[in-house]
């Protein structure tokens, strides 16, 4: 997918910061970066032809994708995820249970909540304490939106301060993107404000691949620009006209993205914001990540 150019990139870390634009268009021949070369490829692009693969211990799922199922039957849904093969999940709340109660259900199903989505404007001490009980080893702020660059600068400062407190507790804090962070305000992209206004030692990045592509950004370029801050992917797909679909059912060129961005990726997290059948999405995503080659 990336060939010798990628090998040179991965073996020479001192050049990573300057490589952000060097390979943006490699493997892409459509208007939106990160998409497969042609629409017919959507049915087969997920399988690839390389030797690389996603380790099973790096496959996770964002439980927001299963919120309706979890609200209806929390124990049964977690059991179903375990049956599919998931051993890691990313949290977005505990569905009316205490941290201790939710941890008990996870342990019963041999699932670890390695990551979680959290807010930083409430009681940080309580948030961190719950994260520790749940066994989280990473946390991410899932969303922020401001109309001005000054608003984004202030948020970056709060995020950096919170991240230092999380780090003291042994839980790195990061930021999860949508598309609007890549839309310039007065000529400045909010995402650039966030990344420049936070210390890379304390604030990592969780790239949502759907929203990055939706925002007109090539995920490979984004990863390289911010290496080694990118440690997690949200893996969700889109059709050529922008509809969100299950991983492998659309035209995002995951084999190229995965093949060009292997170092330092700790989790590939299945997600779909509004699935019609959450457990089917969970099964499809897990199967896709187990079978994709790059």
C-alpha atoms as a PDB file:
ATOM      1  CA  UNK A   1       0.000   0.000   0.000  1.00  0.00           C
ATOM      2  CA  UNK A   2       2.752   2.425   0.916  1.00  0.00           C
ATOM      3  CA  UNK A   3       5.741   0.479  -0.377  1.00  0.00           C
ATOM      4  CA  UNK A   4       9.307   1.624   0.121  1.00  0.00           C
ATOM      5  CA  UNK A   5       8.230   5.182   0.887  1.00  0.00           C
ATOM      6  CA  UNK A   6       6.423   4.006   4.010  1.00  0.00           C
ATOM      7  CA  UNK A   7       9.360   1.884   5.147  1.00  0.00           C
ATOM      8  CA  UNK A   8      11.658   4.895   4.910  1.00  0.00           C
ATOM      9  CA  UNK A   9       9.136   6.953   6.861  1.00  0.00           C
ATOM     10  CA  UNK A  10       8.749   4.431   9.654  1.00  0.00           C
ATOM     11  CA  UNK A  11      12.490   3.828   9.994  1.00  0.00           C
ATOM     12  CA  UNK A  12      13.516   7.476  10.211  1.00  0.00           C
ATOM     13  CA  UNK A  13      11.538   9.091  13.027  1.00  0.00           C
ATOM     14  CA  UNK A  14      13.531  12.290  12.819  1.00  0.00           C
ATOM     15  CA  UNK A  15      11.825  13.047   9.497  1.00  0.00           C
ATOM     16  CA  UNK A  16       8.270  12.315  10.607  1.00  0.00           C
ATOM     17  CA  UNK A  17       7.247  15.860  11.358  1.00  0.00           C
ATOM     18  CA  UNK A  18       8.284  16.986   7.883  1.00  0.00           C
ATOM     19  CA  UNK A  19       6.555  14.142   6.064  1.00  0.00           C
ATOM     20  CA  UNK A  20       2.989  15.318   6.589  1.00  0.00           C
ATOM     21  CA  UNK A  21       2.480  16.236   2.943  1.00  0.00           C
ATOM     22  CA  UNK A  22       4.931  13.825   1.336  1.00  0.00           C
ATOM     23  CA  UNK A  23       2.540  10.939   0.789  1.00  0.00           C
ATOM     24  CA  UNK A  24      -0.929  12.427   1.112  1.00  0.00           C
ATOM     25  CA  UNK A  25      -2.085  11.227  -2.292  1.00  0.00           C
ATOM     26  CA  UNK A  26      -0.458   7.785  -2.332  1.00  0.00           C
ATOM     27  CA  UNK A  27      -3.086   5.200  -3.219  1.00  0.00           C
ATOM     28  CA  UNK A  28      -5.896   7.747  -3.565  1.00  0.00           C
ATOM     29  CA  UNK A  29      -7.514   8.830  -6.787  1.00  0.00           C
ATOM     30  CA  UNK A  30     -10.733  10.427  -5.653  1.00  0.00           C
ATOM     31  CA  UNK A  31     -11.656  13.864  -4.424  1.00  0.00           C
ATOM     32  CA  UNK A  32     -12.000  12.882  -0.763  1.00  0.00           C
ATOM     33  CA  UNK A  33      -8.689  11.754   0.770  1.00  0.00           C
ATOM     34  CA  UNK A  34      -8.620   8.354   2.448  1.00  0.00           C
ATOM     35  CA  UNK A  35     -11.174   6.748   0.128  1.00  0.00           C
ATOM     36  CA  UNK A  36     -10.553   3.694  -2.023  1.00  0.00           C
ATOM     37  CA  UNK A  37      -9.718   4.271  -5.665  1.00  0.00           C
ATOM     38  CA  UNK A  38     -13.146   3.498  -7.049  1.00  0.00           C
ATOM     39  CA  UNK A  39     -16.633   2.735  -5.786  1.00  0.00           C
ATOM     40  CA  UNK A  40     -16.626  -0.924  -6.992  1.00  0.00           C
ATOM     41  CA  UNK A  41     -13.652  -1.516  -4.734  1.00  0.00           C
ATOM     42  CA  UNK A  42     -15.865  -0.936  -1.702  1.00  0.00           C
ATOM     43  CA  UNK A  43     -16.897  -4.591  -1.578  1.00  0.00           C
ATOM     44  CA  UNK A  44     -13.338  -5.948  -1.601  1.00  0.00           C
ATOM     45  CA  UNK A  45     -10.997  -3.234  -0.374  1.00  0.00           C
ATOM     46  CA  UNK A  46     -11.187  -4.437   3.232  1.00  0.00           C
ATOM     47  CA  UNK A  47      -9.380  -7.703   2.575  1.00  0.00           C
ATOM     48  CA  UNK A  48      -6.211  -6.339   0.970  1.00  0.00           C
ATOM     49  CA  UNK A  49      -3.256  -8.370  -0.249  1.00  0.00           C
ATOM     50  CA  UNK A  50      -0.475  -7.650   2.233  1.00  0.00           C
ATOM     51  CA  UNK A  51       0.887  -9.538   5.211  1.00  0.00           C
ATOM     52  CA  UNK A  52       0.005  -6.969   7.848  1.00  0.00           C
ATOM     53  CA  UNK A  53      -2.940  -7.601  10.123  1.00  0.00           C
ATOM     54  CA  UNK A  54      -4.635  -6.072  13.163  1.00  0.00           C
ATOM     55  CA  UNK A  55      -3.654  -8.059  16.279  1.00  0.00           C
ATOM     56  CA  UNK A  56      -6.740  -9.398  18.000  1.00  0.00           C
ATOM     57  CA  UNK A  57      -5.613  -7.870  21.288  1.00  0.00           C
ATOM     58  CA  UNK A  58      -5.817  -4.416  19.673  1.00  0.00           C
ATOM     59  CA  UNK A  59      -9.431  -4.792  18.539  1.00  0.00           C
ATOM     60  CA  UNK A  60     -12.009  -2.918  20.606  1.00  0.00           C
ATOM     61  CA  UNK A  61     -15.475  -1.420  20.203  1.00  0.00           C
ATOM     62  CA  UNK A  62     -16.951   1.874  21.362  1.00  0.00           C
ATOM     63  CA  UNK A  63     -19.971   0.974  23.476  1.00  0.00           C
ATOM     64  CA  UNK A  64     -21.783   4.104  22.286  1.00  0.00           C
ATOM     65  CA  UNK A  65     -22.482   2.049  19.156  1.00  0.00           C
ATOM     66  CA  UNK A  66     -24.460  -0.400  21.315  1.00  0.00           C
ATOM     67  CA  UNK A  67     -26.170   2.077  23.624  1.00  0.00           C
ATOM     68  CA  UNK A  68     -29.715   0.982  22.730  1.00  0.00           C
ATOM     69  CA  UNK A  69     -28.862  -2.677  23.278  1.00  0.00           C
ATOM     70  CA  UNK A  70     -27.008  -1.908  26.503  1.00  0.00           C
ATOM     71  CA  UNK A  71     -29.938   0.095  27.836  1.00  0.00           C
ATOM     72  CA  UNK A  72     -32.297  -2.767  27.045  1.00  0.00           C
ATOM     73  CA  UNK A  73     -30.099  -5.615  28.335  1.00  0.00           C
ATOM     74  CA  UNK A  74     -26.695  -4.654  29.725  1.00  0.00           C
ATOM     75  CA  UNK A  75     -25.548  -8.101  30.944  1.00  0.00           C
ATOM     76  CA  UNK A  76     -26.811  -9.860  27.815  1.00  0.00           C
ATOM     77  CA  UNK A  77     -25.182  -7.387  25.438  1.00  0.00           C
ATOM     78  CA  UNK A  78     -21.796  -7.607  27.150  1.00  0.00           C
ATOM     79  CA  UNK A  79     -22.073 -11.398  27.037  1.00  0.00           C
ATOM     80  CA  UNK A  80     -22.850 -11.216  23.306  1.00  0.00           C
ATOM     81  CA  UNK A  81     -19.787  -9.043  22.707  1.00  0.00           C
ATOM     82  CA  UNK A  82     -17.644 -11.610  24.509  1.00  0.00           C
ATOM     83  CA  UNK A  83     -19.137 -14.359  22.348  1.00  0.00           C
ATOM     84  CA  UNK A  84     -18.203 -12.406  19.215  1.00  0.00           C
ATOM     85  CA  UNK A  85     -14.620 -12.284  20.444  1.00  0.00           C
ATOM     86  CA  UNK A  86     -14.199  -8.840  21.941  1.00  0.00           C
ATOM     87  CA  UNK A  87     -11.871  -8.656  24.911  1.00  0.00           C
ATOM     88  CA  UNK A  88     -11.624  -4.856  24.986  1.00  0.00           C
ATOM     89  CA  UNK A  89     -14.189  -2.077  24.897  1.00  0.00           C
ATOM     90  CA  UNK A  90     -14.211   1.701  25.055  1.00  0.00           C
ATOM     91  CA  UNK A  91     -16.785   3.172  27.416  1.00  0.00           C
ATOM     92  CA  UNK A  92     -19.217   6.044  27.014  1.00  0.00           C
ATOM     93  CA  UNK A  93     -20.937   5.908  30.398  1.00  0.00           C
ATOM     94  CA  UNK A  94     -21.973   3.026  32.653  1.00  0.00           C
ATOM     95  CA  UNK A  95     -25.716   2.859  31.921  1.00  0.00           C
ATOM     96  CA  UNK A  96     -27.021   3.511  35.393  1.00  0.00           C
ATOM     97  CA  UNK A  97     -24.504   1.270  37.146  1.00  0.00           C
ATOM     98  CA  UNK A  98     -21.752   2.361  39.488  1.00  0.00           C
ATOM     99  CA  UNK A  99     -18.185   1.971  38.330  1.00  0.00           C
ATOM    100  CA  UNK A 100     -17.836  -1.013  40.652  1.00  0.00           C
ATOM    101  CA  UNK A 101     -21.005  -2.661  39.327  1.00  0.00           C
ATOM    102  CA  UNK A 102     -20.042  -2.133  35.710  1.00  0.00           C
ATOM    103  CA  UNK A 103     -16.535  -3.453  36.342  1.00  0.00           C
ATOM    104  CA  UNK A 104     -18.094  -6.587  37.824  1.00  0.00           C
ATOM    105  CA  UNK A 105     -20.084  -7.211  34.649  1.00  0.00           C
ATOM    106  CA  UNK A 106     -16.991  -6.677  32.516  1.00  0.00           C
ATOM    107  CA  UNK A 107     -14.937  -9.065  34.619  1.00  0.00           C
ATOM    108  CA  UNK A 108     -17.658 -11.703  34.430  1.00  0.00           C
ATOM    109  CA  UNK A 109     -17.372 -11.608  30.632  1.00  0.00           C
ATOM    110  CA  UNK A 110     -13.564 -11.404  30.575  1.00  0.00           C
ATOM    111  CA  UNK A 111     -13.706  -7.954  28.958  1.00  0.00           C
ATOM    112  CA  UNK A 112     -11.422  -5.027  29.797  1.00  0.00           C
ATOM    113  CA  UNK A 113     -12.571  -1.420  29.470  1.00  0.00           C
ATOM    114  CA  UNK A 114      -9.169  -0.199  28.388  1.00  0.00           C
ATOM    115  CA  UNK A 115     -10.437   3.178  27.163  1.00  0.00           C
ATOM    116  CA  UNK A 116     -13.211   5.588  28.038  1.00  0.00           C
ATOM    117  CA  UNK A 117     -14.804   8.823  26.844  1.00  0.00           C
ATOM    118  CA  UNK A 118     -15.001  11.459  29.564  1.00  0.00           C
ATOM    119  CA  UNK A 119     -15.793  15.105  30.137  1.00  0.00           C
ATOM    120  CA  UNK A 120     -13.317  17.445  31.823  1.00  0.00           C
ATOM    121  CA  UNK A 121     -15.605  20.202  33.074  1.00  0.00           C
ATOM    122  CA  UNK A 122     -17.048  18.292  36.025  1.00  0.00           C
ATOM    123  CA  UNK A 123     -15.494  16.624  39.072  1.00  0.00           C
ATOM    124  CA  UNK A 124     -12.177  15.395  37.682  1.00  0.00           C
ATOM    125  CA  UNK A 125     -11.278  13.607  40.889  1.00  0.00           C
ATOM    126  CA  UNK A 126     -14.461  11.530  40.658  1.00  0.00           C
ATOM    127  CA  UNK A 127     -14.000  10.924  36.935  1.00  0.00           C
ATOM    128  CA  UNK A 128     -10.447   9.716  37.480  1.00  0.00           C
ATOM    129  CA  UNK A 129     -11.415   7.574  40.471  1.00  0.00           C
ATOM    130  CA  UNK A 130     -14.135   5.847  38.437  1.00  0.00           C
ATOM    131  CA  UNK A 131     -11.751   5.334  35.521  1.00  0.00           C
ATOM    132  CA  UNK A 132      -9.320   3.583  37.829  1.00  0.00           C
ATOM    133  CA  UNK A 133     -12.038   1.316  39.217  1.00  0.00           C
ATOM    134  CA  UNK A 134     -13.145   0.460  35.683  1.00  0.00           C
ATOM    135  CA  UNK A 135      -9.584  -0.423  34.720  1.00  0.00           C
ATOM    136  CA  UNK A 136      -9.213   2.275  32.052  1.00  0.00           C
ATOM    137  CA  UNK A 137      -5.676   2.808  30.816  1.00  0.00           C
ATOM    138  CA  UNK A 138      -6.634   5.665  28.468  1.00  0.00           C
ATOM    139  CA  UNK A 139      -9.321   8.337  28.380  1.00  0.00           C
ATOM    140  CA  UNK A 140     -10.481  10.684  25.641  1.00  0.00           C
ATOM    141  CA  UNK A 141     -12.607  13.807  25.468  1.00  0.00           C
ATOM    142  CA  UNK A 142     -15.181  12.850  22.816  1.00  0.00           C
ATOM    143  CA  UNK A 143     -16.374  16.245  21.598  1.00  0.00           C
ATOM    144  CA  UNK A 144     -15.865  19.987  21.798  1.00  0.00           C
ATOM    145  CA  UNK A 145     -17.191  22.804  19.645  1.00  0.00           C
ATOM    146  CA  UNK A 146     -16.574  26.556  19.713  1.00  0.00           C
ATOM    147  CA  UNK A 147     -17.415  29.377  17.333  1.00  0.00           C
ATOM    148  CA  UNK A 148     -14.143  31.236  17.758  1.00  0.00           C
ATOM    149  CA  UNK A 149     -10.467  30.380  17.725  1.00  0.00           C
ATOM    150  CA  UNK A 150     -10.179  32.000  21.128  1.00  0.00           C
ATOM    151  CA  UNK A 151     -12.740  29.522  22.414  1.00  0.00           C
ATOM    152  CA  UNK A 152     -10.652  26.651  21.054  1.00  0.00           C
ATOM    153  CA  UNK A 153      -7.493  28.095  22.603  1.00  0.00           C
ATOM    154  CA  UNK A 154      -9.144  28.266  25.999  1.00  0.00           C
ATOM    155  CA  UNK A 155     -10.372  24.700  25.644  1.00  0.00           C
ATOM    156  CA  UNK A 156      -6.888  23.532  24.672  1.00  0.00           C
ATOM    157  CA  UNK A 157      -5.597  25.044  27.896  1.00  0.00           C
ATOM    158  CA  UNK A 158      -8.244  23.244  29.955  1.00  0.00           C
ATOM    159  CA  UNK A 159      -7.546  19.989  28.134  1.00  0.00           C
ATOM    160  CA  UNK A 160      -3.825  20.275  28.798  1.00  0.00           C
ATOM    161  CA  UNK A 161      -4.403  21.000  32.485  1.00  0.00           C
ATOM    162  CA  UNK A 162      -6.801  18.067  32.832  1.00  0.00           C
ATOM    163  CA  UNK A 163      -4.416  15.774  30.975  1.00  0.00           C
ATOM    164  CA  UNK A 164      -1.650  16.481  33.475  1.00  0.00           C
ATOM    165  CA  UNK A 165      -3.982  15.497  36.307  1.00  0.00           C
ATOM    166  CA  UNK A 166      -5.033  12.323  34.512  1.00  0.00           C
ATOM    167  CA  UNK A 167      -1.398  11.470  33.837  1.00  0.00           C
ATOM    168  CA  UNK A 168      -0.591  11.788  37.538  1.00  0.00           C
ATOM    169  CA  UNK A 169      -3.186   9.048  38.076  1.00  0.00           C
ATOM    170  CA  UNK A 170      -1.577   6.898  35.387  1.00  0.00           C
ATOM    171  CA  UNK A 171      -4.307   7.399  32.768  1.00  0.00           C
ATOM    172  CA  UNK A 172      -3.267   9.369  29.655  1.00  0.00           C
ATOM    173  CA  UNK A 173      -5.940  11.729  28.309  1.00  0.00           C
ATOM    174  CA  UNK A 174      -6.539  12.397  24.632  1.00  0.00           C
ATOM    175  CA  UNK A 175      -8.959  14.013  22.191  1.00  0.00           C
ATOM    176  CA  UNK A 176     -11.358  12.373  19.729  1.00  0.00           C
ATOM    177  CA  UNK A 177     -12.148  14.358  16.578  1.00  0.00           C
ATOM    178  CA  UNK A 178     -15.217  14.931  14.477  1.00  0.00           C
ATOM    179  CA  UNK A 179     -15.189  16.792  11.148  1.00  0.00           C
ATOM    180  CA  UNK A 180     -15.696  20.360  12.336  1.00  0.00           C
ATOM    181  CA  UNK A 181     -12.225  20.606  13.908  1.00  0.00           C
ATOM    182  CA  UNK A 182     -10.806  20.632  10.363  1.00  0.00           C
ATOM    183  CA  UNK A 183     -12.999  23.508   9.135  1.00  0.00           C
ATOM    184  CA  UNK A 184     -11.030  26.741   9.383  1.00  0.00           C
ATOM    185  CA  UNK A 185     -12.281  29.651  11.483  1.00  0.00           C
ATOM    186  CA  UNK A 186     -10.756  32.934  10.322  1.00  0.00           C
ATOM    187  CA  UNK A 187      -8.184  30.915   8.392  1.00  0.00           C
ATOM    188  CA  UNK A 188      -7.164  28.705  11.328  1.00  0.00           C
ATOM    189  CA  UNK A 189      -8.146  25.078  11.856  1.00  0.00           C
ATOM    190  CA  UNK A 190      -9.354  24.284  15.380  1.00  0.00           C
ATOM    191  CA  UNK A 191      -7.517  20.938  15.232  1.00  0.00           C
ATOM    192  CA  UNK A 192      -4.243  22.793  14.788  1.00  0.00           C
ATOM    193  CA  UNK A 193      -5.086  24.993  17.758  1.00  0.00           C
ATOM    194  CA  UNK A 194      -5.769  21.912  19.874  1.00  0.00           C
ATOM    195  CA  UNK A 195      -2.616  20.075  18.914  1.00  0.00           C
ATOM    196  CA  UNK A 196      -0.357  23.112  19.214  1.00  0.00           C
ATOM    197  CA  UNK A 197      -1.974  24.258  22.448  1.00  0.00           C
ATOM    198  CA  UNK A 198      -1.496  20.961  24.262  1.00  0.00           C
ATOM    199  CA  UNK A 199       1.683  19.192  25.298  1.00  0.00           C
ATOM    200  CA  UNK A 200       2.191  16.005  23.237  1.00  0.00           C
ATOM    201  CA  UNK A 201       3.651  14.355  26.332  1.00  0.00           C
ATOM    202  CA  UNK A 202       0.272  14.587  28.036  1.00  0.00           C
ATOM    203  CA  UNK A 203      -2.415  14.773  25.333  1.00  0.00           C
ATOM    204  CA  UNK A 204      -2.637  11.957  22.802  1.00  0.00           C
ATOM    205  CA  UNK A 205      -4.934  11.741  19.782  1.00  0.00           C
ATOM    206  CA  UNK A 206      -7.715   9.315  18.972  1.00  0.00           C
ATOM    207  CA  UNK A 207      -8.463   9.716  15.263  1.00  0.00           C
ATOM    208  CA  UNK A 208     -11.992   8.978  14.133  1.00  0.00           C
ATOM    209  CA  UNK A 209     -11.313   7.858  10.568  1.00  0.00           C
ATOM    210  CA  UNK A 210     -14.838   8.512   9.295  1.00  0.00           C
ATOM    211  CA  UNK A 211     -14.909  12.066  10.572  1.00  0.00           C
ATOM    212  CA  UNK A 212     -11.360  12.804   9.455  1.00  0.00           C
ATOM    213  CA  UNK A 213     -12.232  11.755   5.895  1.00  0.00           C
ATOM    214  CA  UNK A 214     -15.546  13.605   6.144  1.00  0.00           C
ATOM    215  CA  UNK A 215     -13.570  16.698   7.117  1.00  0.00           C
ATOM    216  CA  UNK A 216     -11.445  16.416   3.970  1.00  0.00           C
ATOM    217  CA  UNK A 217      -8.324  15.189   5.757  1.00  0.00           C
ATOM    218  CA  UNK A 218      -6.129  12.264   4.762  1.00  0.00           C
ATOM    219  CA  UNK A 219      -5.709  10.098   7.891  1.00  0.00           C
ATOM    220  CA  UNK A 220      -2.231   9.015   6.809  1.00  0.00           C
ATOM    221  CA  UNK A 221      -1.067  12.605   6.587  1.00  0.00           C
ATOM    222  CA  UNK A 222      -2.731  13.406   9.914  1.00  0.00           C
ATOM    223  CA  UNK A 223      -1.040  10.459  11.620  1.00  0.00           C
ATOM    224  CA  UNK A 224       2.368  11.411  10.245  1.00  0.00           C
ATOM    225  CA  UNK A 225       2.002  15.053  11.130  1.00  0.00           C
ATOM    226  CA  UNK A 226       1.319  14.167  14.760  1.00  0.00           C
ATOM    227  CA  UNK A 227       3.394  11.013  15.265  1.00  0.00           C
ATOM    228  CA  UNK A 228       3.647   9.548  17.885  1.00  0.00           C
ATOM    229  CA  UNK A 229       0.586  11.194  19.454  1.00  0.00           C
ATOM    230  CA  UNK A 230      -1.925   9.091  17.498  1.00  0.00           C
ATOM    231  CA  UNK A 231      -2.525   5.941  19.540  1.00  0.00           C
ATOM    232  CA  UNK A 232      -6.124   4.936  18.734  1.00  0.00           C
ATOM    233  CA  UNK A 233      -8.407   4.774  15.706  1.00  0.00           C
ATOM    234  CA  UNK A 234     -12.177   4.788  15.560  1.00  0.00           C
ATOM    235  CA  UNK A 235     -12.860   2.469  12.643  1.00  0.00           C
ATOM    236  CA  UNK A 236     -16.096   3.305  10.905  1.00  0.00           C
ATOM    237  CA  UNK A 237     -16.805   3.459   7.203  1.00  0.00           C
ATOM    238  CA  UNK A 238     -18.596   5.745   4.764  1.00  0.00           C
ATOM    239  CA  UNK A 239     -20.146   5.397   1.348  1.00  0.00           C
ATOM    240  CA  UNK A 240     -18.955   7.542  -1.525  1.00  0.00           C
ATOM    241  CA  UNK A 241     -21.804   9.984  -0.842  1.00  0.00           C
ATOM    242  CA  UNK A 242     -20.969  10.267   2.877  1.00  0.00           C
ATOM    243  CA  UNK A 243     -23.366   7.815   4.538  1.00  0.00           C
ATOM    244  CA  UNK A 244     -21.984   6.081   7.648  1.00  0.00           C
ATOM    245  CA  UNK A 245     -21.826   2.289   7.322  1.00  0.00           C
ATOM    246  CA  UNK A 246     -20.218  -0.658   9.100  1.00  0.00           C
ATOM    247  CA  UNK A 247     -16.455  -1.189   8.699  1.00  0.00           C
ATOM    248  CA  UNK A 248     -15.659  -2.744   5.314  1.00  0.00           C
ATOM    249  CA  UNK A 249     -19.027  -1.851   3.804  1.00  0.00           C
ATOM    250  CA  UNK A 250     -17.987   1.512   2.393  1.00  0.00           C
ATOM    251  CA  UNK A 251     -15.119   3.086   0.487  1.00  0.00           C
ATOM    252  CA  UNK A 252     -12.643   4.256   3.136  1.00  0.00           C
ATOM    253  CA  UNK A 253      -9.328   2.661   2.194  1.00  0.00           C
ATOM    254  CA  UNK A 254      -8.554   1.033   5.530  1.00  0.00           C
ATOM    255  CA  UNK A 255      -5.808  -1.260   4.142  1.00  0.00           C
ATOM    256  CA  UNK A 256      -3.863   1.774   2.926  1.00  0.00           C
ATOM    257  CA  UNK A 257      -4.436   3.684   6.175  1.00  0.00           C
ATOM    258  CA  UNK A 258      -3.505   0.748   8.406  1.00  0.00           C
ATOM    259  CA  UNK A 259      -0.532  -0.242   6.262  1.00  0.00           C
ATOM    260  CA  UNK A 260       0.912   3.261   6.316  1.00  0.00           C
ATOM    261  CA  UNK A 261       0.354   3.957  10.019  1.00  0.00           C
ATOM    262  CA  UNK A 262       1.239   0.861  12.013  1.00  0.00           C
ATOM    263  CA  UNK A 263       3.725   2.143  14.619  1.00  0.00           C
ATOM    264  CA  UNK A 264       2.336   3.215  17.985  1.00  0.00           C
ATOM    265  CA  UNK A 265      -1.290   2.251  17.258  1.00  0.00           C
ATOM    266  CA  UNK A 266      -2.644   0.595  20.393  1.00  0.00           C
ATOM    267  CA  UNK A 267      -6.327   0.149  19.574  1.00  0.00           C
ATOM    268  CA  UNK A 268      -8.548  -0.166  16.518  1.00  0.00           C
ATOM    269  CA  UNK A 269     -12.012   0.627  17.859  1.00  0.00           C
ATOM    270  CA  UNK A 270     -15.113  -0.396  15.901  1.00  0.00           C
ATOM    271  CA  UNK A 271     -17.821   2.256  15.849  1.00  0.00           C
ATOM    272  CA  UNK A 272     -21.043   3.263  14.116  1.00  0.00           C
ATOM    273  CA  UNK A 273     -22.923   6.252  15.483  1.00  0.00           C
ATOM    274  CA  UNK A 274     -26.438   5.032  14.629  1.00  0.00           C
ATOM    275  CA  UNK A 275     -26.481   1.366  13.634  1.00  0.00           C
ATOM    276  CA  UNK A 276     -29.781  -0.279  12.772  1.00  0.00           C
ATOM    277  CA  UNK A 277     -28.630  -3.526  14.420  1.00  0.00           C
ATOM    278  CA  UNK A 278     -25.899  -2.813  17.008  1.00  0.00           C
ATOM    279  CA  UNK A 279     -24.816  -6.420  17.561  1.00  0.00           C
ATOM    280  CA  UNK A 280     -24.682  -7.022  13.811  1.00  0.00           C
ATOM    281  CA  UNK A 281     -22.426  -3.972  13.516  1.00  0.00           C
ATOM    282  CA  UNK A 282     -20.273  -5.348  16.337  1.00  0.00           C
ATOM    283  CA  UNK A 283     -19.959  -8.701  14.555  1.00  0.00           C
ATOM    284  CA  UNK A 284     -19.264  -7.101  11.168  1.00  0.00           C
ATOM    285  CA  UNK A 285     -16.615  -4.805  12.620  1.00  0.00           C
ATOM    286  CA  UNK A 286     -14.838  -7.558  14.521  1.00  0.00           C
ATOM    287  CA  UNK A 287     -14.826  -9.875  11.515  1.00  0.00           C
ATOM    288  CA  UNK A 288     -13.543  -7.083   9.292  1.00  0.00           C
ATOM    289  CA  UNK A 289     -10.645  -6.209  11.562  1.00  0.00           C
ATOM    290  CA  UNK A 290      -9.730  -9.881  12.002  1.00  0.00           C
ATOM    291  CA  UNK A 291      -9.632 -10.422   8.237  1.00  0.00           C
ATOM    292  CA  UNK A 292      -8.260  -7.144   6.852  1.00  0.00           C
ATOM    293  CA  UNK A 293      -4.775  -7.422   5.356  1.00  0.00           C
ATOM    294  CA  UNK A 294      -2.476  -4.543   4.463  1.00  0.00           C
END
